[in-house]
């Protein structure tokens, strides 16, 4: 296999730009979803379960990472999990796979949390209209967490069809089979 491209979004975009994109996504999704839900909802909002909302905010990121792990569960012996801190205070869970994955499998693993959690949040928001404000905040927060995953998917969709993805300390390498002449 030959390396077609190395992806390192933090190097390519920079941490600041990724944070700005995430904040923009948060504000956009929150505004659009809040207005949309309010068009169809006459219920008065309540703050009775604010403690549950706070727990959900803190639990969303670990659940997001667990869904990445579950999408690759059959390869668990090749996965390593470690925690590092971003900006010296923010704990970041990092999952690394030690063997190449097919492009389609990697895309599925990247998008699993996006579809599963956003669907669950939307259903919960529809079923509990008195907590629409919490649901739209959770939806926006989770979409902003998914920005990095979606950026990786964007680059992977443009890679060759039969490519493999391998994680290295430099970033993700997109590997393609050698051409035979």
N, C-alpha and C. Protein backbone atom coordinates (compact mmCIF):
# COMPACT_ATOMS: atom_id res chain seq x y z
N UNK A 1 0.86 -1.18 0.00
CA UNK A 1 0.00 0.00 0.00
C UNK A 1 0.90 1.24 0.00
N UNK A 2 0.46 2.24 -0.75
CA UNK A 2 1.17 3.51 -0.82
C UNK A 2 0.34 4.58 -0.12
N UNK A 3 1.03 5.52 0.47
CA UNK A 3 0.34 6.63 1.13
C UNK A 3 -0.13 7.63 0.06
N UNK A 4 -1.43 7.83 -0.02
CA UNK A 4 -2.00 8.77 -0.98
C UNK A 4 -2.04 10.17 -0.38
N UNK A 5 -2.36 10.26 0.92
CA UNK A 5 -2.47 11.55 1.59
C UNK A 5 -2.43 11.34 3.10
N UNK A 6 -1.89 12.31 3.81
CA UNK A 6 -1.91 12.31 5.27
C UNK A 6 -2.89 13.39 5.72
N UNK A 7 -3.85 13.00 6.57
CA UNK A 7 -4.83 13.94 7.09
C UNK A 7 -4.52 14.24 8.55
N UNK A 8 -4.32 15.50 8.85
CA UNK A 8 -4.19 15.97 10.22
C UNK A 8 -4.93 17.30 10.28
N UNK A 9 -6.19 17.25 10.70
CA UNK A 9 -7.03 18.44 10.66
C UNK A 9 -6.55 19.54 11.59
N UNK A 10 -5.99 19.15 12.74
CA UNK A 10 -5.48 20.18 13.65
C UNK A 10 -4.32 20.93 13.01
N UNK A 11 -3.51 20.23 12.25
CA UNK A 11 -2.40 20.87 11.54
C UNK A 11 -2.92 21.65 10.33
N UNK A 12 -3.88 21.07 9.61
CA UNK A 12 -4.40 21.70 8.40
C UNK A 12 -5.24 22.95 8.69
N UNK A 13 -6.17 22.84 9.64
CA UNK A 13 -7.06 23.95 9.96
C UNK A 13 -6.56 24.78 11.13
N UNK A 14 -5.95 24.13 12.10
CA UNK A 14 -5.57 24.82 13.34
C UNK A 14 -6.68 24.67 14.36
N UNK A 15 -6.28 24.57 15.62
CA UNK A 15 -7.25 24.38 16.69
C UNK A 15 -8.23 25.54 16.78
N UNK A 16 -7.73 26.76 16.60
CA UNK A 16 -8.59 27.94 16.71
C UNK A 16 -9.68 27.92 15.65
N UNK A 17 -9.32 27.61 14.42
CA UNK A 17 -10.31 27.59 13.34
C UNK A 17 -11.34 26.49 13.56
N UNK A 18 -10.90 25.34 14.05
CA UNK A 18 -11.84 24.25 14.32
C UNK A 18 -12.82 24.66 15.42
N UNK A 19 -12.33 25.34 16.44
CA UNK A 19 -13.21 25.83 17.51
C UNK A 19 -14.20 26.86 16.96
N UNK A 20 -13.74 27.75 16.10
CA UNK A 20 -14.63 28.76 15.51
C UNK A 20 -15.71 28.09 14.66
N UNK A 21 -15.31 27.09 13.86
CA UNK A 21 -16.29 26.36 13.05
C UNK A 21 -17.30 25.66 13.96
N UNK A 22 -16.83 25.06 15.05
CA UNK A 22 -17.73 24.37 15.97
C UNK A 22 -18.71 25.34 16.63
N UNK A 23 -18.23 26.50 17.02
CA UNK A 23 -19.11 27.51 17.62
C UNK A 23 -20.15 27.98 16.60
N UNK A 24 -19.72 28.19 15.37
CA UNK A 24 -20.64 28.60 14.31
C UNK A 24 -21.70 27.53 14.08
N UNK A 25 -21.29 26.27 14.05
CA UNK A 25 -22.24 25.16 13.88
C UNK A 25 -23.20 25.13 15.06
N UNK A 26 -22.68 25.28 16.28
CA UNK A 26 -23.54 25.29 17.47
C UNK A 26 -24.61 26.37 17.35
N UNK A 27 -24.19 27.60 17.06
CA UNK A 27 -25.14 28.71 16.99
C UNK A 27 -26.16 28.52 15.86
N UNK A 28 -25.70 28.03 14.73
CA UNK A 28 -26.60 27.82 13.60
C UNK A 28 -27.62 26.73 13.89
N UNK A 29 -27.15 25.57 14.38
CA UNK A 29 -28.07 24.46 14.66
C UNK A 29 -29.04 24.83 15.78
N UNK A 30 -28.54 25.49 16.81
CA UNK A 30 -29.43 25.88 17.91
C UNK A 30 -30.50 26.84 17.40
N UNK A 31 -30.11 27.86 16.66
CA UNK A 31 -31.07 28.85 16.17
C UNK A 31 -32.12 28.21 15.28
N UNK A 32 -31.67 27.41 14.31
CA UNK A 32 -32.61 26.80 13.37
C UNK A 32 -33.53 25.79 14.06
N UNK A 33 -32.97 24.95 14.93
CA UNK A 33 -33.80 23.94 15.58
C UNK A 33 -34.76 24.57 16.60
N UNK A 34 -34.31 25.56 17.31
CA UNK A 34 -35.16 26.20 18.32
C UNK A 34 -36.35 26.88 17.64
N UNK A 35 -36.08 27.62 16.57
CA UNK A 35 -37.15 28.30 15.85
C UNK A 35 -38.10 27.27 15.23
N UNK A 36 -37.54 26.22 14.63
CA UNK A 36 -38.37 25.20 14.00
C UNK A 36 -39.28 24.51 15.00
N UNK A 37 -38.73 24.11 16.14
CA UNK A 37 -39.55 23.44 17.16
C UNK A 37 -40.60 24.40 17.73
N UNK A 38 -40.27 25.67 17.85
CA UNK A 38 -41.23 26.64 18.39
C UNK A 38 -42.38 26.89 17.43
N UNK A 39 -42.18 26.67 16.13
CA UNK A 39 -43.27 26.84 15.18
C UNK A 39 -44.38 25.82 15.41
N UNK A 40 -44.01 24.64 15.91
CA UNK A 40 -44.97 23.55 16.07
C UNK A 40 -45.26 23.22 17.53
N UNK A 41 -44.80 24.04 18.45
CA UNK A 41 -44.91 23.72 19.87
C UNK A 41 -45.54 24.88 20.62
N UNK A 42 -46.66 24.63 21.27
CA UNK A 42 -47.33 25.66 22.08
C UNK A 42 -47.10 25.43 23.57
N UNK A 43 -46.33 24.43 23.90
CA UNK A 43 -46.08 24.06 25.29
C UNK A 43 -45.21 25.11 25.99
N UNK A 44 -45.49 25.35 27.27
CA UNK A 44 -44.64 26.24 28.06
C UNK A 44 -43.44 25.44 28.55
N UNK A 45 -42.29 26.05 28.49
CA UNK A 45 -41.06 25.36 28.88
C UNK A 45 -40.92 25.34 30.39
N UNK A 46 -40.24 24.31 30.87
CA UNK A 46 -40.01 24.17 32.30
C UNK A 46 -38.54 23.85 32.55
N UNK A 47 -38.08 24.23 33.71
CA UNK A 47 -36.69 23.97 34.10
C UNK A 47 -36.61 22.96 35.25
N UNK A 48 -37.64 22.17 35.44
CA UNK A 48 -37.68 21.22 36.55
C UNK A 48 -36.55 20.18 36.50
N UNK A 49 -36.12 19.81 35.32
CA UNK A 49 -35.09 18.77 35.20
C UNK A 49 -33.75 19.36 34.73
N UNK A 50 -33.42 20.53 35.22
CA UNK A 50 -32.16 21.16 34.82
C UNK A 50 -30.97 20.29 35.21
N UNK A 51 -31.04 19.63 36.35
CA UNK A 51 -29.95 18.76 36.80
C UNK A 51 -29.70 17.64 35.79
N UNK A 52 -30.77 17.12 35.19
CA UNK A 52 -30.63 16.07 34.18
C UNK A 52 -29.98 16.61 32.91
N UNK A 53 -30.32 17.84 32.56
CA UNK A 53 -29.70 18.49 31.41
C UNK A 53 -28.20 18.65 31.62
N UNK A 54 -27.78 19.07 32.81
CA UNK A 54 -26.36 19.24 33.11
C UNK A 54 -25.63 17.89 33.01
N UNK A 55 -26.25 16.85 33.53
CA UNK A 55 -25.66 15.51 33.42
C UNK A 55 -25.54 15.10 31.95
N UNK A 56 -26.58 15.38 31.16
CA UNK A 56 -26.56 15.04 29.73
C UNK A 56 -25.45 15.80 29.00
N UNK A 57 -25.22 17.04 29.35
CA UNK A 57 -24.15 17.82 28.71
C UNK A 57 -22.80 17.17 28.98
N UNK A 58 -22.56 16.77 30.22
CA UNK A 58 -21.28 16.14 30.55
C UNK A 58 -21.16 14.71 30.02
N UNK A 59 -22.29 14.03 29.87
CA UNK A 59 -22.27 12.64 29.40
C UNK A 59 -22.22 12.52 27.88
N UNK A 60 -22.57 13.57 27.17
CA UNK A 60 -22.67 13.49 25.71
C UNK A 60 -21.35 13.14 25.04
N UNK A 61 -20.27 13.75 25.46
CA UNK A 61 -18.97 13.49 24.84
C UNK A 61 -18.50 12.05 25.07
N UNK A 62 -18.53 11.53 26.31
CA UNK A 62 -18.15 10.12 26.48
C UNK A 62 -19.07 9.15 25.73
N UNK A 63 -20.36 9.44 25.67
CA UNK A 63 -21.27 8.59 24.92
C UNK A 63 -20.93 8.64 23.43
N UNK A 64 -20.61 9.82 22.94
CA UNK A 64 -20.18 10.00 21.55
C UNK A 64 -18.97 9.11 21.25
N UNK A 65 -17.98 9.15 22.12
CA UNK A 65 -16.78 8.32 21.92
C UNK A 65 -17.10 6.83 22.03
N UNK A 66 -17.99 6.46 22.94
CA UNK A 66 -18.38 5.05 23.07
C UNK A 66 -19.06 4.54 21.81
N UNK A 67 -19.82 5.40 21.15
CA UNK A 67 -20.48 4.98 19.90
C UNK A 67 -19.45 4.77 18.78
N UNK A 68 -18.39 5.58 18.77
CA UNK A 68 -17.30 5.31 17.82
C UNK A 68 -16.72 3.92 18.11
N UNK A 69 -16.51 3.63 19.40
CA UNK A 69 -15.96 2.35 19.81
C UNK A 69 -16.90 1.20 19.43
N UNK A 70 -18.19 1.37 19.68
CA UNK A 70 -19.15 0.31 19.35
C UNK A 70 -19.23 0.03 17.86
N UNK A 71 -19.03 1.06 17.04
CA UNK A 71 -19.04 0.87 15.59
C UNK A 71 -17.86 0.01 15.14
N UNK A 72 -16.81 -0.03 15.96
CA UNK A 72 -15.61 -0.82 15.66
C UNK A 72 -15.43 -1.95 16.67
N UNK A 73 -16.51 -2.37 17.30
CA UNK A 73 -16.42 -3.33 18.40
C UNK A 73 -15.75 -4.64 18.00
N UNK A 74 -15.99 -5.11 16.80
CA UNK A 74 -15.37 -6.37 16.39
C UNK A 74 -13.86 -6.26 16.24
N UNK A 75 -13.33 -5.04 16.22
CA UNK A 75 -11.88 -4.81 16.14
C UNK A 75 -11.31 -4.32 17.48
N UNK A 76 -12.02 -4.56 18.56
CA UNK A 76 -11.63 -4.02 19.86
C UNK A 76 -10.24 -4.43 20.32
N UNK A 77 -9.75 -5.58 19.90
CA UNK A 77 -8.41 -6.00 20.29
C UNK A 77 -7.33 -5.13 19.63
N UNK A 78 -7.70 -4.39 18.59
CA UNK A 78 -6.76 -3.52 17.89
C UNK A 78 -6.94 -2.05 18.29
N UNK A 79 -7.83 -1.77 19.23
CA UNK A 79 -8.11 -0.40 19.66
C UNK A 79 -7.42 -0.09 20.97
N UNK A 80 -6.91 1.12 21.09
CA UNK A 80 -6.39 1.61 22.36
C UNK A 80 -7.09 2.92 22.69
N UNK A 81 -7.44 3.07 23.95
CA UNK A 81 -8.06 4.30 24.43
C UNK A 81 -7.11 4.99 25.40
N UNK A 82 -7.00 6.29 25.26
CA UNK A 82 -6.20 7.06 26.22
C UNK A 82 -6.82 8.43 26.38
N UNK A 83 -6.51 9.05 27.49
CA UNK A 83 -7.03 10.38 27.75
C UNK A 83 -5.87 11.37 27.78
N UNK A 84 -6.08 12.49 27.15
CA UNK A 84 -5.10 13.58 27.20
C UNK A 84 -5.86 14.86 27.49
N UNK A 85 -5.16 15.91 27.81
CA UNK A 85 -5.86 17.16 28.10
C UNK A 85 -5.55 18.20 27.03
N UNK A 86 -6.59 18.91 26.66
CA UNK A 86 -6.50 19.99 25.69
C UNK A 86 -6.54 21.28 26.49
N UNK A 87 -5.63 22.18 26.23
CA UNK A 87 -5.54 23.46 26.95
C UNK A 87 -5.33 23.24 28.45
N UNK A 88 -4.72 22.14 28.83
CA UNK A 88 -4.37 21.78 30.20
C UNK A 88 -5.56 21.48 31.11
N UNK A 89 -6.79 21.66 30.67
CA UNK A 89 -7.93 21.43 31.54
C UNK A 89 -9.03 20.57 30.94
N UNK A 90 -9.16 20.55 29.63
CA UNK A 90 -10.26 19.84 28.98
C UNK A 90 -9.82 18.40 28.68
N UNK A 91 -10.44 17.41 29.33
CA UNK A 91 -10.07 16.02 29.05
C UNK A 91 -10.59 15.58 27.69
N UNK A 92 -9.72 14.98 26.89
CA UNK A 92 -10.08 14.51 25.56
C UNK A 92 -9.78 13.02 25.49
N UNK A 93 -10.78 12.23 25.14
CA UNK A 93 -10.59 10.79 24.95
C UNK A 93 -10.09 10.57 23.53
N UNK A 94 -9.03 9.80 23.41
CA UNK A 94 -8.47 9.52 22.09
C UNK A 94 -8.48 8.02 21.87
N UNK A 95 -9.12 7.62 20.78
CA UNK A 95 -9.18 6.21 20.42
C UNK A 95 -8.30 6.01 19.20
N UNK A 96 -7.45 5.00 19.26
CA UNK A 96 -6.55 4.75 18.15
C UNK A 96 -6.65 3.28 17.74
N UNK A 97 -6.76 3.06 16.45
CA UNK A 97 -6.81 1.70 15.93
C UNK A 97 -5.46 1.38 15.32
N UNK A 98 -4.96 0.18 15.62
CA UNK A 98 -3.60 -0.18 15.22
C UNK A 98 -3.53 -0.96 13.92
N UNK A 99 -4.59 -1.00 13.16
CA UNK A 99 -4.54 -1.68 11.87
C UNK A 99 -5.36 -0.88 10.86
N UNK A 100 -5.02 -0.95 9.58
CA UNK A 100 -5.77 -0.18 8.58
C UNK A 100 -7.23 -0.65 8.47
N UNK A 101 -8.10 0.31 8.19
CA UNK A 101 -9.52 0.05 8.00
C UNK A 101 -9.91 0.47 6.59
N UNK A 102 -10.93 -0.15 6.06
CA UNK A 102 -11.42 0.28 4.75
C UNK A 102 -12.06 1.66 4.90
N UNK A 103 -12.05 2.38 3.81
CA UNK A 103 -12.60 3.74 3.80
C UNK A 103 -14.06 3.74 4.24
N UNK A 104 -14.86 2.84 3.71
CA UNK A 104 -16.28 2.82 4.04
C UNK A 104 -16.52 2.48 5.51
N UNK A 105 -15.76 1.56 6.05
CA UNK A 105 -15.89 1.18 7.46
C UNK A 105 -15.52 2.35 8.37
N UNK A 106 -14.48 3.08 7.98
CA UNK A 106 -14.05 4.23 8.78
C UNK A 106 -15.10 5.35 8.74
N UNK A 107 -15.69 5.57 7.57
CA UNK A 107 -16.74 6.59 7.46
C UNK A 107 -17.94 6.21 8.33
N UNK A 108 -18.32 4.93 8.32
CA UNK A 108 -19.43 4.48 9.17
C UNK A 108 -19.10 4.71 10.64
N UNK A 109 -17.87 4.40 11.04
CA UNK A 109 -17.46 4.60 12.43
C UNK A 109 -17.48 6.08 12.81
N UNK A 110 -17.10 6.94 11.88
CA UNK A 110 -17.11 8.37 12.15
C UNK A 110 -18.53 8.94 12.27
N UNK A 111 -19.45 8.43 11.46
CA UNK A 111 -20.80 9.00 11.41
C UNK A 111 -21.79 8.34 12.37
N UNK A 112 -21.44 7.21 12.96
CA UNK A 112 -22.36 6.51 13.87
C UNK A 112 -22.85 7.40 15.01
N UNK A 113 -21.97 8.09 15.76
CA UNK A 113 -22.49 8.94 16.84
C UNK A 113 -23.39 10.07 16.33
N UNK A 114 -23.06 10.63 15.18
CA UNK A 114 -23.86 11.72 14.63
C UNK A 114 -25.31 11.28 14.42
N UNK A 115 -25.49 10.15 13.76
CA UNK A 115 -26.84 9.70 13.46
C UNK A 115 -27.56 9.15 14.69
N UNK A 116 -26.89 8.36 15.50
CA UNK A 116 -27.54 7.73 16.66
C UNK A 116 -27.93 8.78 17.70
N UNK A 117 -26.99 9.60 18.12
CA UNK A 117 -27.30 10.57 19.19
C UNK A 117 -28.23 11.68 18.71
N UNK A 118 -28.02 12.19 17.51
CA UNK A 118 -28.91 13.24 17.03
C UNK A 118 -30.33 12.73 16.86
N UNK A 119 -30.49 11.49 16.40
CA UNK A 119 -31.83 10.90 16.29
C UNK A 119 -32.46 10.77 17.67
N UNK A 120 -31.69 10.28 18.64
CA UNK A 120 -32.21 10.14 20.01
C UNK A 120 -32.60 11.50 20.60
N UNK A 121 -31.78 12.50 20.39
CA UNK A 121 -32.08 13.85 20.91
C UNK A 121 -33.33 14.41 20.24
N UNK A 122 -33.45 14.24 18.93
CA UNK A 122 -34.63 14.75 18.23
C UNK A 122 -35.90 14.04 18.69
N UNK A 123 -35.84 12.74 18.86
CA UNK A 123 -37.02 12.00 19.33
C UNK A 123 -37.39 12.43 20.74
N UNK A 124 -36.38 12.57 21.61
CA UNK A 124 -36.64 13.04 22.97
C UNK A 124 -37.24 14.43 22.99
N UNK A 125 -36.78 15.29 22.11
CA UNK A 125 -37.30 16.65 22.05
C UNK A 125 -38.74 16.65 21.55
N UNK A 126 -39.05 15.79 20.59
CA UNK A 126 -40.43 15.70 20.09
C UNK A 126 -41.38 15.11 21.14
N UNK A 127 -40.89 14.12 21.89
CA UNK A 127 -41.74 13.47 22.89
C UNK A 127 -41.93 14.30 24.16
N UNK A 128 -40.99 15.17 24.46
CA UNK A 128 -41.05 16.00 25.67
C UNK A 128 -40.99 17.49 25.28
N UNK A 129 -42.08 18.02 24.74
CA UNK A 129 -42.05 19.40 24.24
C UNK A 129 -41.79 20.46 25.32
N UNK A 130 -42.03 20.14 26.58
CA UNK A 130 -41.76 21.12 27.65
C UNK A 130 -40.25 21.32 27.85
N UNK A 131 -39.45 20.42 27.28
CA UNK A 131 -38.00 20.51 27.41
C UNK A 131 -37.32 20.75 26.06
N UNK A 132 -38.04 21.37 25.15
CA UNK A 132 -37.50 21.66 23.82
C UNK A 132 -36.23 22.50 23.90
N UNK A 133 -36.18 23.44 24.80
CA UNK A 133 -34.99 24.29 24.92
C UNK A 133 -33.76 23.46 25.28
N UNK A 134 -33.92 22.47 26.14
CA UNK A 134 -32.80 21.59 26.47
C UNK A 134 -32.42 20.70 25.28
N UNK A 135 -33.43 20.18 24.60
CA UNK A 135 -33.17 19.31 23.45
C UNK A 135 -32.43 20.03 22.34
N UNK A 136 -32.83 21.26 22.06
CA UNK A 136 -32.15 22.01 20.99
C UNK A 136 -30.73 22.38 21.39
N UNK A 137 -30.51 22.66 22.66
CA UNK A 137 -29.14 22.93 23.12
C UNK A 137 -28.27 21.68 23.02
N UNK A 138 -28.82 20.53 23.41
CA UNK A 138 -28.07 19.27 23.31
C UNK A 138 -27.79 18.91 21.85
N UNK A 139 -28.77 19.13 20.98
CA UNK A 139 -28.58 18.86 19.56
C UNK A 139 -27.47 19.74 18.99
N UNK A 140 -27.50 21.01 19.30
CA UNK A 140 -26.47 21.93 18.80
C UNK A 140 -25.10 21.58 19.36
N UNK A 141 -25.05 21.24 20.64
CA UNK A 141 -23.79 20.87 21.27
C UNK A 141 -23.21 19.61 20.62
N UNK A 142 -24.06 18.62 20.39
CA UNK A 142 -23.56 17.40 19.79
C UNK A 142 -23.12 17.62 18.34
N UNK A 143 -23.85 18.42 17.60
CA UNK A 143 -23.43 18.73 16.22
C UNK A 143 -22.09 19.44 16.20
N UNK A 144 -21.84 20.29 17.18
CA UNK A 144 -20.54 20.96 17.24
C UNK A 144 -19.43 19.98 17.62
N UNK A 145 -19.76 18.95 18.41
CA UNK A 145 -18.78 17.90 18.70
C UNK A 145 -18.46 17.08 17.45
N UNK A 146 -19.42 16.96 16.56
CA UNK A 146 -19.26 16.14 15.35
C UNK A 146 -18.52 16.86 14.22
N UNK A 147 -18.17 18.10 14.41
CA UNK A 147 -17.52 18.87 13.32
C UNK A 147 -16.26 18.17 12.83
N UNK A 148 -15.40 17.73 13.72
CA UNK A 148 -14.15 17.07 13.32
C UNK A 148 -14.45 15.80 12.53
N UNK A 149 -15.42 15.00 13.00
CA UNK A 149 -15.77 13.77 12.30
C UNK A 149 -16.26 14.08 10.89
N UNK A 150 -17.09 15.09 10.76
CA UNK A 150 -17.64 15.44 9.45
C UNK A 150 -16.55 15.99 8.53
N UNK A 151 -15.60 16.73 9.08
CA UNK A 151 -14.49 17.20 8.26
C UNK A 151 -13.65 16.03 7.74
N UNK A 152 -13.41 15.04 8.59
CA UNK A 152 -12.69 13.85 8.14
C UNK A 152 -13.48 13.11 7.06
N UNK A 153 -14.78 12.99 7.23
CA UNK A 153 -15.61 12.32 6.23
C UNK A 153 -15.54 13.07 4.90
N UNK A 154 -15.55 14.39 4.98
CA UNK A 154 -15.45 15.20 3.76
C UNK A 154 -14.19 14.84 2.96
N UNK A 155 -13.07 14.71 3.64
CA UNK A 155 -11.83 14.36 2.95
C UNK A 155 -11.83 12.91 2.49
N UNK A 156 -12.41 12.02 3.29
CA UNK A 156 -12.42 10.61 2.94
C UNK A 156 -13.31 10.33 1.72
N UNK A 157 -14.39 11.07 1.58
CA UNK A 157 -15.27 10.87 0.43
C UNK A 157 -14.57 11.18 -0.89
N UNK A 158 -13.57 12.05 -0.84
CA UNK A 158 -12.82 12.41 -2.04
C UNK A 158 -11.62 11.51 -2.28
N UNK A 159 -11.39 10.54 -1.42
CA UNK A 159 -10.25 9.64 -1.59
C UNK A 159 -10.63 8.49 -2.52
N UNK A 160 -9.64 7.77 -3.04
CA UNK A 160 -9.94 6.65 -3.93
C UNK A 160 -10.85 5.60 -3.28
N UNK A 161 -11.62 4.92 -4.11
CA UNK A 161 -12.66 4.01 -3.63
C UNK A 161 -12.11 2.86 -2.79
N UNK A 162 -11.03 2.26 -3.18
CA UNK A 162 -10.51 1.08 -2.49
C UNK A 162 -9.40 1.41 -1.49
N UNK A 163 -9.42 2.61 -0.97
CA UNK A 163 -8.36 3.03 -0.04
C UNK A 163 -8.60 2.47 1.36
N UNK A 164 -7.53 2.48 2.13
CA UNK A 164 -7.54 2.04 3.53
C UNK A 164 -7.08 3.23 4.37
N UNK A 165 -7.57 3.29 5.61
CA UNK A 165 -7.22 4.38 6.51
C UNK A 165 -6.40 3.80 7.65
N UNK A 166 -5.27 4.44 7.93
CA UNK A 166 -4.40 4.00 9.02
C UNK A 166 -4.04 5.21 9.87
N UNK A 167 -4.11 5.03 11.19
CA UNK A 167 -3.74 6.10 12.11
C UNK A 167 -2.26 6.01 12.41
N UNK A 168 -1.60 7.15 12.36
CA UNK A 168 -0.20 7.25 12.72
C UNK A 168 -0.03 8.46 13.63
N UNK A 169 1.12 8.62 14.26
CA UNK A 169 1.33 9.82 15.09
C UNK A 169 1.24 11.12 14.28
N UNK A 170 1.48 11.06 12.97
CA UNK A 170 1.39 12.26 12.12
C UNK A 170 -0.04 12.61 11.75
N UNK A 171 -0.95 11.68 11.90
CA UNK A 171 -2.34 11.88 11.50
C UNK A 171 -2.87 10.62 10.86
N UNK A 172 -3.91 10.76 10.07
CA UNK A 172 -4.49 9.62 9.37
C UNK A 172 -3.87 9.53 7.99
N UNK A 173 -3.40 8.35 7.65
CA UNK A 173 -2.84 8.13 6.31
C UNK A 173 -3.88 7.40 5.47
N UNK A 174 -4.11 7.93 4.28
CA UNK A 174 -4.98 7.26 3.32
C UNK A 174 -4.08 6.44 2.42
N UNK A 175 -4.23 5.12 2.51
CA UNK A 175 -3.38 4.19 1.78
C UNK A 175 -4.14 3.65 0.57
N UNK A 176 -3.44 3.57 -0.56
CA UNK A 176 -4.03 3.02 -1.77
C UNK A 176 -3.16 1.88 -2.25
N UNK A 177 -3.77 0.87 -2.89
CA UNK A 177 -2.97 -0.24 -3.39
C UNK A 177 -2.08 0.22 -4.56
N UNK A 178 -0.93 -0.39 -4.69
CA UNK A 178 -0.04 -0.01 -5.79
C UNK A 178 -0.68 -0.44 -7.13
N UNK A 179 -0.44 0.35 -8.14
CA UNK A 179 -0.96 0.00 -9.46
C UNK A 179 0.02 -0.93 -10.15
N UNK A 180 -0.50 -1.92 -10.82
CA UNK A 180 0.34 -2.88 -11.52
C UNK A 180 0.37 -2.52 -12.99
N UNK A 181 1.57 -2.38 -13.56
CA UNK A 181 1.69 -2.01 -14.97
C UNK A 181 2.11 -3.19 -15.78
